[in-house]
Amino acid sequence: MARQVYVLDLSDETLAEEYEQWHRPGNVPARVLQDIVDAGNLVMEIYRTGDRLVMITETEGNAQPQDRTGSAESQAWEAQMDRFQKPVPSAAEGVKWQPAECIFMLAEHLRKDIK
C-alpha cells in the first residue's frame, strides 16, 4: 500500500464553507466516489487550514489518485470544483493537486537497527 500526500489552495478563502459543503457525506456524486475507489484508492481524506487543502490517499499498487476521473460524472465534478481551487505556487503546469514530499518519519528515527 502506498500513501501519497497532495496540497492545493482554495482560490478564495470565503468559498471554503461552500467547498466543504460539497464534500460532506451525501453531496459527492456516487459515480465520483466509485471512480475514486476504482482507481485503487483505499483511503482519501482532505484537510483544510485557512486556504490550504491537504489530501492524503492510500492506494493499492501504483495507482495514482489523479487517475480517478474516467467517467463523465467525475470530469463534471472536477470542472465544478475548479472554481474553488488553485494550484500552489510550486505546482507543475496543469497540475492542481501538487504531490508533497515526506521529509520526516518518526518510525525511521525510532528504529533500533539504525546506527
PDB file of N, CA and C in Angstrom:
ATOM      1  N   MET A   1       0.853  -1.175   0.000  1.00  0.00           N
ATOM      2  CA  MET A   1       0.000   0.000   0.000  1.00  0.00           C
ATOM      3  C   MET A   1       0.896   1.235   0.000  1.00  0.00           C
ATOM      4  N   ALA A   2       0.502   2.225  -0.769  1.00  0.00           N
ATOM      5  CA  ALA A   2       1.280   3.457  -0.875  1.00  0.00           C
ATOM      6  C   ALA A   2       0.459   4.638  -0.372  1.00  0.00           C
ATOM      7  N   ARG A   3       1.087   5.473   0.421  1.00  0.00           N
ATOM      8  CA  ARG A   3       0.449   6.707   0.899  1.00  0.00           C
ATOM      9  C   ARG A   3       1.018   7.868   0.106  1.00  0.00           C
ATOM     10  N   GLN A   4       0.120   8.751  -0.320  1.00  0.00           N
ATOM     11  CA  GLN A   4       0.526   9.959  -1.011  1.00  0.00           C
ATOM     12  C   GLN A   4      -0.124  11.146  -0.299  1.00  0.00           C
ATOM     13  N   VAL A   5       0.577  12.259  -0.315  1.00  0.00           N
ATOM     14  CA  VAL A   5       0.059  13.495   0.263  1.00  0.00           C
ATOM     15  C   VAL A   5       0.153  14.567  -0.815  1.00  0.00           C
ATOM     16  N   TYR A   6      -0.941  15.328  -0.973  1.00  0.00           N
ATOM     17  CA  TYR A   6      -1.026  16.361  -2.004  1.00  0.00           C
ATOM     18  C   TYR A   6      -1.522  17.652  -1.363  1.00  0.00           C
ATOM     19  N   VAL A   7      -1.128  18.785  -1.926  1.00  0.00           N
ATOM     20  CA  VAL A   7      -1.589  20.085  -1.445  1.00  0.00           C
ATOM     21  C   VAL A   7      -2.198  20.878  -2.593  1.00  0.00           C
ATOM     22  N   LEU A   8      -3.127  21.738  -2.227  1.00  0.00           N
ATOM     23  CA  LEU A   8      -3.839  22.585  -3.170  1.00  0.00           C
ATOM     24  C   LEU A   8      -4.369  23.763  -2.380  1.00  0.00           C
ATOM     25  N   ASP A   9      -4.508  24.905  -3.007  1.00  0.00           N
ATOM     26  CA  ASP A   9      -5.064  26.076  -2.329  1.00  0.00           C
ATOM     27  C   ASP A   9      -6.483  26.337  -2.797  1.00  0.00           C
ATOM     28  N   LEU A  10      -7.262  26.942  -1.930  1.00  0.00           N
ATOM     29  CA  LEU A  10      -8.568  27.442  -2.331  1.00  0.00           C
ATOM     30  C   LEU A  10      -8.355  28.758  -3.067  1.00  0.00           C
ATOM     31  N   SER A  11      -9.130  28.978  -4.102  1.00  0.00           N
ATOM     32  CA  SER A  11      -8.967  30.208  -4.881  1.00  0.00           C
ATOM     33  C   SER A  11      -9.400  31.437  -4.087  1.00  0.00           C
ATOM     34  N   ASP A  12     -10.304  31.226  -3.123  1.00  0.00           N
ATOM     35  CA  ASP A  12     -10.817  32.327  -2.316  1.00  0.00           C
ATOM     36  C   ASP A  12     -11.296  31.729  -0.989  1.00  0.00           C
ATOM     37  N   GLU A  13     -10.658  32.114   0.105  1.00  0.00           N
ATOM     38  CA  GLU A  13     -10.991  31.521   1.404  1.00  0.00           C
ATOM     39  C   GLU A  13     -12.458  31.731   1.787  1.00  0.00           C
ATOM     40  N   THR A  14     -13.102  32.754   1.222  1.00  0.00           N
ATOM     41  CA  THR A  14     -14.517  32.976   1.532  1.00  0.00           C
ATOM     42  C   THR A  14     -15.396  31.871   0.944  1.00  0.00           C
ATOM     43  N   LEU A  15     -14.863  31.086   0.011  1.00  0.00           N
ATOM     44  CA  LEU A  15     -15.606  29.973  -0.581  1.00  0.00           C
ATOM     45  C   LEU A  15     -15.398  28.662   0.182  1.00  0.00           C
ATOM     46  N   ALA A  16     -14.595  28.696   1.240  1.00  0.00           N
ATOM     47  CA  ALA A  16     -14.236  27.476   1.956  1.00  0.00           C
ATOM     48  C   ALA A  16     -15.456  26.727   2.466  1.00  0.00           C
ATOM     49  N   GLU A  17     -16.417  27.409   3.045  1.00  0.00           N
ATOM     50  CA  GLU A  17     -17.605  26.740   3.592  1.00  0.00           C
ATOM     51  C   GLU A  17     -18.378  26.030   2.484  1.00  0.00           C
ATOM     52  N   GLU A  18     -18.524  26.688   1.343  1.00  0.00           N
ATOM     53  CA  GLU A  18     -19.234  26.054   0.231  1.00  0.00           C
ATOM     54  C   GLU A  18     -18.462  24.831  -0.278  1.00  0.00           C
ATOM     55  N   TYR A  19     -17.151  24.942  -0.382  1.00  0.00           N
ATOM     56  CA  TYR A  19     -16.318  23.822  -0.814  1.00  0.00           C
ATOM     57  C   TYR A  19     -16.472  22.650   0.154  1.00  0.00           C
ATOM     58  N   GLU A  20     -16.423  22.967   1.442  1.00  0.00           N
ATOM     59  CA  GLU A  20     -16.597  21.910   2.446  1.00  0.00           C
ATOM     60  C   GLU A  20     -17.978  21.283   2.334  1.00  0.00           C
ATOM     61  N   GLN A  21     -19.004  22.085   2.094  1.00  0.00           N
ATOM     62  CA  GLN A  21     -20.366  21.568   1.951  1.00  0.00           C
ATOM     63  C   GLN A  21     -20.439  20.550   0.807  1.00  0.00           C
ATOM     64  N   TRP A  22     -19.807  20.845  -0.307  1.00  0.00           N
ATOM     65  CA  TRP A  22     -19.795  19.922  -1.437  1.00  0.00           C
ATOM     66  C   TRP A  22     -19.156  18.586  -1.084  1.00  0.00           C
ATOM     67  N   HIS A  23     -18.248  18.581  -0.116  1.00  0.00           N
ATOM     68  CA  HIS A  23     -17.514  17.367   0.240  1.00  0.00           C
ATOM     69  C   HIS A  23     -18.104  16.612   1.428  1.00  0.00           C
ATOM     70  N   ARG A  24     -19.205  17.078   1.966  1.00  0.00           N
ATOM     71  CA  ARG A  24     -19.849  16.367   3.080  1.00  0.00           C
ATOM     72  C   ARG A  24     -20.549  15.113   2.578  1.00  0.00           C
ATOM     73  N   PRO A  25     -20.685  14.106   3.454  1.00  0.00           N
ATOM     74  CA  PRO A  25     -21.360  12.861   3.048  1.00  0.00           C
ATOM     75  C   PRO A  25     -22.728  13.138   2.421  1.00  0.00           C
ATOM     76  N   GLY A  26     -22.970  12.475   1.304  1.00  0.00           N
ATOM     77  CA  GLY A  26     -24.224  12.629   0.589  1.00  0.00           C
ATOM     78  C   GLY A  26     -24.172  13.662  -0.525  1.00  0.00           C
ATOM     79  N   ASN A  27     -23.130  14.484  -0.570  1.00  0.00           N
ATOM     80  CA  ASN A  27     -23.049  15.549  -1.579  1.00  0.00           C
ATOM     81  C   ASN A  27     -22.131  15.226  -2.748  1.00  0.00           C
ATOM     82  N   VAL A  28     -21.220  14.273  -2.572  1.00  0.00           N
ATOM     83  CA  VAL A  28     -20.345  13.860  -3.672  1.00  0.00           C
ATOM     84  C   VAL A  28     -21.107  12.802  -4.470  1.00  0.00           C
ATOM     85  N   PRO A  29     -21.236  12.976  -5.780  1.00  0.00           N
ATOM     86  CA  PRO A  29     -21.972  12.005  -6.587  1.00  0.00           C
ATOM     87  C   PRO A  29     -21.422  10.582  -6.440  1.00  0.00           C
ATOM     88  N   ALA A  30     -22.320   9.617  -6.415  1.00  0.00           N
ATOM     89  CA  ALA A  30     -21.939   8.214  -6.235  1.00  0.00           C
ATOM     90  C   ALA A  30     -20.938   7.760  -7.287  1.00  0.00           C
ATOM     91  N   ARG A  31     -21.095   8.179  -8.525  1.00  0.00           N
ATOM     92  CA  ARG A  31     -20.172   7.759  -9.584  1.00  0.00           C
ATOM     93  C   ARG A  31     -18.775   8.316  -9.339  1.00  0.00           C
ATOM     94  N   VAL A  32     -18.678   9.519  -8.791  1.00  0.00           N
ATOM     95  CA  VAL A  32     -17.380  10.107  -8.459  1.00  0.00           C
ATOM     96  C   VAL A  32     -16.703   9.264  -7.378  1.00  0.00           C
ATOM     97  N   LEU A  33     -17.458   8.892  -6.362  1.00  0.00           N
ATOM     98  CA  LEU A  33     -16.910   8.044  -5.301  1.00  0.00           C
ATOM     99  C   LEU A  33     -16.454   6.699  -5.861  1.00  0.00           C
ATOM    100  N   GLN A  34     -17.248   6.138  -6.762  1.00  0.00           N
ATOM    101  CA  GLN A  34     -16.890   4.857  -7.368  1.00  0.00           C
ATOM    102  C   GLN A  34     -15.615   4.978  -8.195  1.00  0.00           C
ATOM    103  N   ASP A  35     -15.470   6.070  -8.931  1.00  0.00           N
ATOM    104  CA  ASP A  35     -14.242   6.282  -9.705  1.00  0.00           C
ATOM    105  C   ASP A  35     -13.025   6.377  -8.792  1.00  0.00           C
ATOM    106  N   ILE A  36     -13.179   7.007  -7.637  1.00  0.00           N
ATOM    107  CA  ILE A  36     -12.080   7.112  -6.668  1.00  0.00           C
ATOM    108  C   ILE A  36     -11.664   5.719  -6.215  1.00  0.00           C
ATOM    109  N   VAL A  37     -12.646   4.888  -5.877  1.00  0.00           N
ATOM    110  CA  VAL A  37     -12.367   3.520  -5.435  1.00  0.00           C
ATOM    111  C   VAL A  37     -11.800   2.693  -6.586  1.00  0.00           C
ATOM    112  N   ASP A  38     -12.404   2.810  -7.775  1.00  0.00           N
ATOM    113  CA  ASP A  38     -11.945   2.042  -8.938  1.00  0.00           C
ATOM    114  C   ASP A  38     -10.510   2.381  -9.326  1.00  0.00           C
ATOM    115  N   ALA A  39     -10.055   3.581  -8.994  1.00  0.00           N
ATOM    116  CA  ALA A  39      -8.676   3.987  -9.286  1.00  0.00           C
ATOM    117  C   ALA A  39      -7.676   3.382  -8.299  1.00  0.00           C
ATOM    118  N   GLY A  40      -8.174   2.593  -7.338  1.00  0.00           N
ATOM    119  CA  GLY A  40      -7.288   1.931  -6.391  1.00  0.00           C
ATOM    120  C   GLY A  40      -7.147   2.636  -5.063  1.00  0.00           C
ATOM    121  N   ASN A  41      -7.914   3.686  -4.842  1.00  0.00           N
ATOM    122  CA  ASN A  41      -7.838   4.407  -3.570  1.00  0.00           C
ATOM    123  C   ASN A  41      -8.570   3.636  -2.482  1.00  0.00           C
ATOM    124  N   LEU A  42      -7.850   3.318  -1.427  1.00  0.00           N
ATOM    125  CA  LEU A  42      -8.441   2.675  -0.264  1.00  0.00           C
ATOM    126  C   LEU A  42      -8.818   3.712   0.783  1.00  0.00           C
ATOM    127  N   VAL A  43      -8.051   4.804   0.805  1.00  0.00           N
ATOM    128  CA  VAL A  43      -8.271   5.908   1.738  1.00  0.00           C
ATOM    129  C   VAL A  43      -8.095   7.205   0.961  1.00  0.00           C
ATOM    130  N   MET A  44      -8.986   8.158   1.189  1.00  0.00           N
ATOM    131  CA  MET A  44      -8.806   9.513   0.668  1.00  0.00           C
ATOM    132  C   MET A  44      -9.405  10.454   1.703  1.00  0.00           C
ATOM    133  N   GLU A  45      -8.580  11.365   2.203  1.00  0.00           N
ATOM    134  CA  GLU A  45      -9.018  12.340   3.194  1.00  0.00           C
ATOM    135  C   GLU A  45      -8.522  13.712   2.749  1.00  0.00           C
ATOM    136  N   ILE A  46      -9.353  14.740   2.952  1.00  0.00           N
ATOM    137  CA  ILE A  46      -8.946  16.107   2.650  1.00  0.00           C
ATOM    138  C   ILE A  46      -9.070  16.925   3.928  1.00  0.00           C
ATOM    139  N   TYR A  47      -8.014  17.660   4.260  1.00  0.00           N
ATOM    140  CA  TYR A  47      -7.974  18.529   5.423  1.00  0.00           C
ATOM    141  C   TYR A  47      -7.798  19.961   4.940  1.00  0.00           C
ATOM    142  N   ARG A  48      -8.245  20.927   5.754  1.00  0.00           N
ATOM    143  CA  ARG A  48      -8.108  22.336   5.398  1.00  0.00           C
ATOM    144  C   ARG A  48      -7.597  23.136   6.577  1.00  0.00           C
ATOM    145  N   THR A  49      -6.699  24.055   6.284  1.00  0.00           N
ATOM    146  CA  THR A  49      -6.305  25.095   7.221  1.00  0.00           C
ATOM    147  C   THR A  49      -6.207  26.381   6.415  1.00  0.00           C
ATOM    148  N   GLY A  50      -6.995  27.374   6.790  1.00  0.00           N
ATOM    149  CA  GLY A  50      -7.036  28.612   6.019  1.00  0.00           C
ATOM    150  C   GLY A  50      -7.446  28.314   4.590  1.00  0.00           C
ATOM    151  N   ASP A  51      -6.615  28.734   3.636  1.00  0.00           N
ATOM    152  CA  ASP A  51      -6.933  28.458   2.241  1.00  0.00           C
ATOM    153  C   ASP A  51      -6.135  27.285   1.671  1.00  0.00           C
ATOM    154  N   ARG A  52      -5.427  26.540   2.517  1.00  0.00           N
ATOM    155  CA  ARG A  52      -4.629  25.389   2.078  1.00  0.00           C
ATOM    156  C   ARG A  52      -5.398  24.090   2.329  1.00  0.00           C
ATOM    157  N   LEU A  53      -5.436  23.242   1.306  1.00  0.00           N
ATOM    158  CA  LEU A  53      -6.030  21.919   1.395  1.00  0.00           C
ATOM    159  C   LEU A  53      -4.921  20.882   1.349  1.00  0.00           C
ATOM    160  N   VAL A  54      -5.070  19.816   2.123  1.00  0.00           N
ATOM    161  CA  VAL A  54      -4.130  18.698   2.128  1.00  0.00           C
ATOM    162  C   VAL A  54      -4.938  17.431   1.907  1.00  0.00           C
ATOM    163  N   MET A  55      -4.566  16.655   0.892  1.00  0.00           N
ATOM    164  CA  MET A  55      -5.246  15.392   0.614  1.00  0.00           C
ATOM    165  C   MET A  55      -4.276  14.252   0.888  1.00  0.00           C
ATOM    166  N   ILE A  56      -4.743  13.292   1.661  1.00  0.00           N
ATOM    167  CA  ILE A  56      -3.967  12.097   1.966  1.00  0.00           C
ATOM    168  C   ILE A  56      -4.688  10.922   1.320  1.00  0.00           C
ATOM    169  N   THR A  57      -3.935  10.128   0.565  1.00  0.00           N
ATOM    170  CA  THR A  57      -4.514   8.952  -0.055  1.00  0.00           C
ATOM    171  C   THR A  57      -3.665   7.739   0.259  1.00  0.00           C
ATOM    172  N   GLU A  58      -4.300   6.612   0.294  1.00  0.00           N
ATOM    173  CA  GLU A  58      -3.596   5.334   0.357  1.00  0.00           C
ATOM    174  C   GLU A  58      -4.173   4.496  -0.765  1.00  0.00           C
ATOM    175  N   THR A  59      -3.280   3.949  -1.583  1.00  0.00           N
ATOM    176  CA  THR A  59      -3.699   3.227  -2.778  1.00  0.00           C
ATOM    177  C   THR A  59      -3.092   1.834  -2.828  1.00  0.00           C
ATOM    178  N   GLU A  60      -3.724   1.014  -3.643  1.00  0.00           N
ATOM    179  CA  GLU A  60      -3.181  -0.308  -3.927  1.00  0.00           C
ATOM    180  C   GLU A  60      -2.153  -0.158  -5.034  1.00  0.00           C
ATOM    181  N   GLY A  61      -1.095  -0.894  -4.962  1.00  0.00           N
ATOM    182  CA  GLY A  61      -0.121  -0.905  -6.039  1.00  0.00           C
ATOM    183  C   GLY A  61       0.378   0.469  -6.407  1.00  0.00           C
ATOM    184  N   ASN A  62       0.406   0.744  -7.715  1.00  0.00           N
ATOM    185  CA  ASN A  62       0.934   2.007  -8.220  1.00  0.00           C
ATOM    186  C   ASN A  62      -0.155   2.982  -8.614  1.00  0.00           C
ATOM    187  N   ALA A  63      -1.390   2.749  -8.215  1.00  0.00           N
ATOM    188  CA  ALA A  63      -2.493   3.637  -8.587  1.00  0.00           C
ATOM    189  C   ALA A  63      -2.204   5.049  -8.098  1.00  0.00           C
ATOM    190  N   GLN A  64      -2.525   6.034  -8.921  1.00  0.00           N
ATOM    191  CA  GLN A  64      -2.356   7.442  -8.574  1.00  0.00           C
ATOM    192  C   GLN A  64      -3.727   8.086  -8.439  1.00  0.00           C
ATOM    193  N   PRO A  65      -3.968   8.869  -7.394  1.00  0.00           N
ATOM    194  CA  PRO A  65      -5.287   9.466  -7.192  1.00  0.00           C
ATOM    195  C   PRO A  65      -5.784  10.296  -8.368  1.00  0.00           C
ATOM    196  N   GLN A  66      -4.888  10.919  -9.121  1.00  0.00           N
ATOM    197  CA  GLN A  66      -5.351  11.729 -10.237  1.00  0.00           C
ATOM    198  C   GLN A  66      -5.895  10.879 -11.381  1.00  0.00           C
ATOM    199  N   ASP A  67      -5.758   9.564 -11.313  1.00  0.00           N
ATOM    200  CA  ASP A  67      -6.278   8.666 -12.340  1.00  0.00           C
ATOM    201  C   ASP A  67      -7.744   8.321 -12.097  1.00  0.00           C
ATOM    202  N   ARG A  68      -8.446   9.089 -11.289  1.00  0.00           N
ATOM    203  CA  ARG A  68      -9.797   8.746 -10.863  1.00  0.00           C
ATOM    204  C   ARG A  68     -10.895   9.460 -11.637  1.00  0.00           C
ATOM    205  N   THR A  69     -10.582  10.104 -12.736  1.00  0.00           N
ATOM    206  CA  THR A  69     -11.574  10.941 -13.418  1.00  0.00           C
ATOM    207  C   THR A  69     -12.011  10.360 -14.762  1.00  0.00           C
ATOM    208  N   GLY A  70     -12.170   9.059 -14.825  1.00  0.00           N
ATOM    209  CA  GLY A  70     -12.513   8.421 -16.090  1.00  0.00           C
ATOM    210  C   GLY A  70     -13.933   8.651 -16.575  1.00  0.00           C
ATOM    211  N   SER A  71     -14.871   8.813 -15.697  1.00  0.00           N
ATOM    212  CA  SER A  71     -16.274   8.948 -16.110  1.00  0.00           C
ATOM    213  C   SER A  71     -16.634  10.407 -16.393  1.00  0.00           C
ATOM    214  N   ALA A  72     -17.686  10.576 -17.150  1.00  0.00           N
ATOM    215  CA  ALA A  72     -18.192  11.930 -17.435  1.00  0.00           C
ATOM    216  C   ALA A  72     -18.609  12.626 -16.146  1.00  0.00           C
ATOM    217  N   GLU A  73     -19.152  11.873 -15.187  1.00  0.00           N
ATOM    218  CA  GLU A  73     -19.569  12.462 -13.912  1.00  0.00           C
ATOM    219  C   GLU A  73     -18.375  13.009 -13.139  1.00  0.00           C
ATOM    220  N   SER A  74     -17.273  12.264 -13.135  1.00  0.00           N
ATOM    221  CA  SER A  74     -16.079  12.720 -12.428  1.00  0.00           C
ATOM    222  C   SER A  74     -15.451  13.915 -13.123  1.00  0.00           C
ATOM    223  N   GLN A  75     -15.475  13.934 -14.443  1.00  0.00           N
ATOM    224  CA  GLN A  75     -14.951  15.085 -15.173  1.00  0.00           C
ATOM    225  C   GLN A  75     -15.803  16.326 -14.902  1.00  0.00           C
ATOM    226  N   ALA A  76     -17.126  16.145 -14.819  1.00  0.00           N
ATOM    227  CA  ALA A  76     -18.022  17.265 -14.490  1.00  0.00           C
ATOM    228  C   ALA A  76     -17.758  17.752 -13.060  1.00  0.00           C
ATOM    229  N   TRP A  77     -17.540  16.806 -12.130  1.00  0.00           N
ATOM    230  CA  TRP A  77     -17.236  17.155 -10.739  1.00  0.00           C
ATOM    231  C   TRP A  77     -15.953  17.981 -10.678  1.00  0.00           C
ATOM    232  N   GLU A  78     -14.916  17.537 -11.374  1.00  0.00           N
ATOM    233  CA  GLU A  78     -13.649  18.268 -11.394  1.00  0.00           C
ATOM    234  C   GLU A  78     -13.846  19.675 -11.952  1.00  0.00           C
ATOM    235  N   ALA A  79     -14.616  19.790 -13.012  1.00  0.00           N
ATOM    236  CA  ALA A  79     -14.885  21.110 -13.598  1.00  0.00           C
ATOM    237  C   ALA A  79     -15.640  21.994 -12.607  1.00  0.00           C
ATOM    238  N   GLN A  80     -16.576  21.413 -11.880  1.00  0.00           N
ATOM    239  CA  GLN A  80     -17.346  22.165 -10.890  1.00  0.00           C
ATOM    240  C   GLN A  80     -16.447  22.632  -9.741  1.00  0.00           C
ATOM    241  N   MET A  81     -15.480  21.800  -9.334  1.00  0.00           N
ATOM    242  CA  MET A  81     -14.586  22.138  -8.231  1.00  0.00           C
ATOM    243  C   MET A  81     -13.506  23.139  -8.643  1.00  0.00           C
ATOM    244  N   ASP A  82     -13.255  23.272  -9.955  1.00  0.00           N
ATOM    245  CA  ASP A  82     -12.205  24.182 -10.433  1.00  0.00           C
ATOM    246  C   ASP A  82     -12.356  25.605  -9.914  1.00  0.00           C
ATOM    247  N   ARG A  83     -13.566  26.097  -9.783  1.00  0.00           N
ATOM    248  CA  ARG A  83     -13.737  27.486  -9.359  1.00  0.00           C
ATOM    249  C   ARG A  83     -13.288  27.715  -7.919  1.00  0.00           C
ATOM    250  N   PHE A  84     -13.206  26.649  -7.139  1.00  0.00           N
ATOM    251  CA  PHE A  84     -12.783  26.748  -5.744  1.00  0.00           C
ATOM    252  C   PHE A  84     -11.272  26.599  -5.589  1.00  0.00           C
ATOM    253  N   GLN A  85     -10.613  25.996  -6.562  1.00  0.00           N
ATOM    254  CA  GLN A  85      -9.246  25.529  -6.395  1.00  0.00           C
ATOM    255  C   GLN A  85      -8.243  26.327  -7.220  1.00  0.00           C
ATOM    256  N   LYS A  86      -7.033  26.452  -6.652  1.00  0.00           N
ATOM    257  CA  LYS A  86      -5.907  26.991  -7.421  1.00  0.00           C
ATOM    258  C   LYS A  86      -4.652  26.241  -6.976  1.00  0.00           C
ATOM    259  N   PRO A  87      -3.800  25.921  -7.921  1.00  0.00           N
ATOM    260  CA  PRO A  87      -2.576  25.202  -7.565  1.00  0.00           C
ATOM    261  C   PRO A  87      -1.682  26.032  -6.652  1.00  0.00           C
ATOM    262  N   VAL A  88      -0.912  25.358  -5.823  1.00  0.00           N
ATOM    263  CA  VAL A  88       0.081  26.056  -5.008  1.00  0.00           C
ATOM    264  C   VAL A  88       1.139  26.634  -5.951  1.00  0.00           C
ATOM    265  N   PRO A  89       1.859  27.668  -5.521  1.00  0.00           N
ATOM    266  CA  PRO A  89       2.821  28.325  -6.418  1.00  0.00           C
ATOM    267  C   PRO A  89       3.862  27.378  -7.030  1.00  0.00           C
ATOM    268  N   SER A  90       4.244  26.326  -6.334  1.00  0.00           N
ATOM    269  CA  SER A  90       5.283  25.424  -6.844  1.00  0.00           C
ATOM    270  C   SER A  90       4.743  24.326  -7.761  1.00  0.00           C
ATOM    271  N   ALA A  91       3.439  24.311  -8.028  1.00  0.00           N
ATOM    272  CA  ALA A  91       2.838  23.241  -8.823  1.00  0.00           C
ATOM    273  C   ALA A  91       3.305  23.272 -10.271  1.00  0.00           C
ATOM    274  N   ALA A  92       3.452  22.097 -10.832  1.00  0.00           N
ATOM    275  CA  ALA A  92       3.782  21.979 -12.256  1.00  0.00           C
ATOM    276  C   ALA A  92       2.584  22.457 -13.078  1.00  0.00           C
ATOM    277  N   GLU A  93       2.846  22.919 -14.274  1.00  0.00           N
ATOM    278  CA  GLU A  93       1.792  23.407 -15.170  1.00  0.00           C
ATOM    279  C   GLU A  93       0.721  22.332 -15.373  1.00  0.00           C
ATOM    280  N   GLY A  94      -0.532  22.706 -15.169  1.00  0.00           N
ATOM    281  CA  GLY A  94      -1.653  21.790 -15.379  1.00  0.00           C
ATOM    282  C   GLY A  94      -1.908  20.818 -14.243  1.00  0.00           C
ATOM    283  N   VAL A  95      -1.168  20.931 -13.142  1.00  0.00           N
ATOM    284  CA  VAL A  95      -1.335  20.020 -12.002  1.00  0.00           C
ATOM    285  C   VAL A  95      -2.004  20.782 -10.867  1.00  0.00           C
ATOM    286  N   LYS A  96      -3.243  20.367 -10.521  1.00  0.00           N
ATOM    287  CA  LYS A  96      -3.928  21.044  -9.419  1.00  0.00           C
ATOM    288  C   LYS A  96      -3.388  20.543  -8.079  1.00  0.00           C
ATOM    289  N   TRP A  97      -3.511  19.260  -7.818  1.00  0.00           N
ATOM    290  CA  TRP A  97      -3.047  18.691  -6.557  1.00  0.00           C
ATOM    291  C   TRP A  97      -1.562  18.388  -6.677  1.00  0.00           C
ATOM    292  N   GLN A  98      -0.745  19.160  -5.967  1.00  0.00           N
ATOM    293  CA  GLN A  98       0.706  19.032  -6.029  1.00  0.00           C
ATOM    294  C   GLN A  98       1.184  17.983  -5.025  1.00  0.00           C
ATOM    295  N   PRO A  99       1.948  16.981  -5.471  1.00  0.00           N
ATOM    296  CA  PRO A  99       2.479  15.998  -4.518  1.00  0.00           C
ATOM    297  C   PRO A  99       3.407  16.666  -3.499  1.00  0.00           C
ATOM    298  N   ALA A 100       3.292  16.231  -2.256  1.00  0.00           N
ATOM    299  CA  ALA A 100       4.186  16.711  -1.202  1.00  0.00           C
ATOM    300  C   ALA A 100       5.182  15.604  -0.875  1.00  0.00           C
ATOM    301  N   GLU A 101       6.402  15.982  -0.650  1.00  0.00           N
ATOM    302  CA  GLU A 101       7.461  15.027  -0.345  1.00  0.00           C
ATOM    303  C   GLU A 101       7.570  14.840   1.165  1.00  0.00           C
ATOM    304  N   CYS A 102       7.630  13.593   1.588  1.00  0.00           N
ATOM    305  CA  CYS A 102       7.813  13.287   3.011  1.00  0.00           C
ATOM    306  C   CYS A 102       9.267  13.569   3.376  1.00  0.00           C
ATOM    307  N   ILE A 103       9.456  14.391   4.392  1.00  0.00           N
ATOM    308  CA  ILE A 103      10.822  14.722   4.819  1.00  0.00           C
ATOM    309  C   ILE A 103      11.133  14.246   6.238  1.00  0.00           C
ATOM    310  N   PHE A 104      10.137  13.707   6.929  1.00  0.00           N
ATOM    311  CA  PHE A 104      10.354  13.217   8.301  1.00  0.00           C
ATOM    312  C   PHE A 104       9.386  12.088   8.575  1.00  0.00           C
ATOM    313  N   MET A 105       9.920  10.975   9.070  1.00  0.00           N
ATOM    314  CA  MET A 105       9.094   9.852   9.512  1.00  0.00           C
ATOM    315  C   MET A 105       9.605   9.418  10.883  1.00  0.00           C
ATOM    316  N   LEU A 106       8.789   9.576  11.890  1.00  0.00           N
ATOM    317  CA  LEU A 106       9.182   9.230  13.251  1.00  0.00           C
ATOM    318  C   LEU A 106       9.694   7.800  13.331  1.00  0.00           C
ATOM    319  N   ALA A 107       9.013   6.879  12.655  1.00  0.00           N
ATOM    320  CA  ALA A 107       9.399   5.466  12.720  1.00  0.00           C
ATOM    321  C   ALA A 107      10.852   5.247  12.290  1.00  0.00           C
ATOM    322  N   GLU A 108      11.306   6.012  11.309  1.00  0.00           N
ATOM    323  CA  GLU A 108      12.692   5.870  10.866  1.00  0.00           C
ATOM    324  C   GLU A 108      13.678   6.303  11.942  1.00  0.00           C
ATOM    325  N   HIS A 109      13.297   7.226  12.776  1.00  0.00           N
ATOM    326  CA  HIS A 109      14.177   7.720  13.840  1.00  0.00           C
ATOM    327  C   HIS A 109      14.169   6.791  15.046  1.00  0.00           C
ATOM    328  N   LEU A 110      13.114   6.024  15.192  1.00  0.00           N
ATOM    329  CA  LEU A 110      12.980   5.169  16.369  1.00  0.00           C
ATOM    330  C   LEU A 110      13.455   3.751  16.148  1.00  0.00           C
ATOM    331  N   ARG A 111      13.799   3.383  14.917  1.00  0.00           N
ATOM    332  CA  ARG A 111      14.271   2.030  14.640  1.00  0.00           C
ATOM    333  C   ARG A 111      15.561   1.768  15.404  1.00  0.00           C
ATOM    334  N   LYS A 112      15.582   0.654  16.052  1.00  0.00           N
ATOM    335  CA  LYS A 112      16.760   0.308  16.847  1.00  0.00           C
ATOM    336  C   LYS A 112      17.931  -0.111  15.982  1.00  0.00           C
ATOM    337  N   ASP A 113      17.637  -0.545  14.723  1.00  0.00           N
ATOM    338  CA  ASP A 113      18.716  -1.025  13.865  1.00  0.00           C
ATOM    339  C   ASP A 113      19.406   0.103  13.105  1.00  0.00           C
ATOM    340  N   ILE A 114      18.956   1.330  13.242  1.00  0.00           N
ATOM    341  CA  ILE A 114      19.609   2.464  12.583  1.00  0.00           C
ATOM    342  C   ILE A 114      20.804   2.906  13.434  1.00  0.00           C
ATOM    343  N   LYS A 115      21.922   3.079  12.805  1.00  0.00           N
ATOM    344  CA  LYS A 115      23.138   3.465  13.545  1.00  0.00           C
ATOM    345  C   LYS A 115      23.493   4.891  13.246  1.00  0.00           C
TER     346      LYS A 115
END
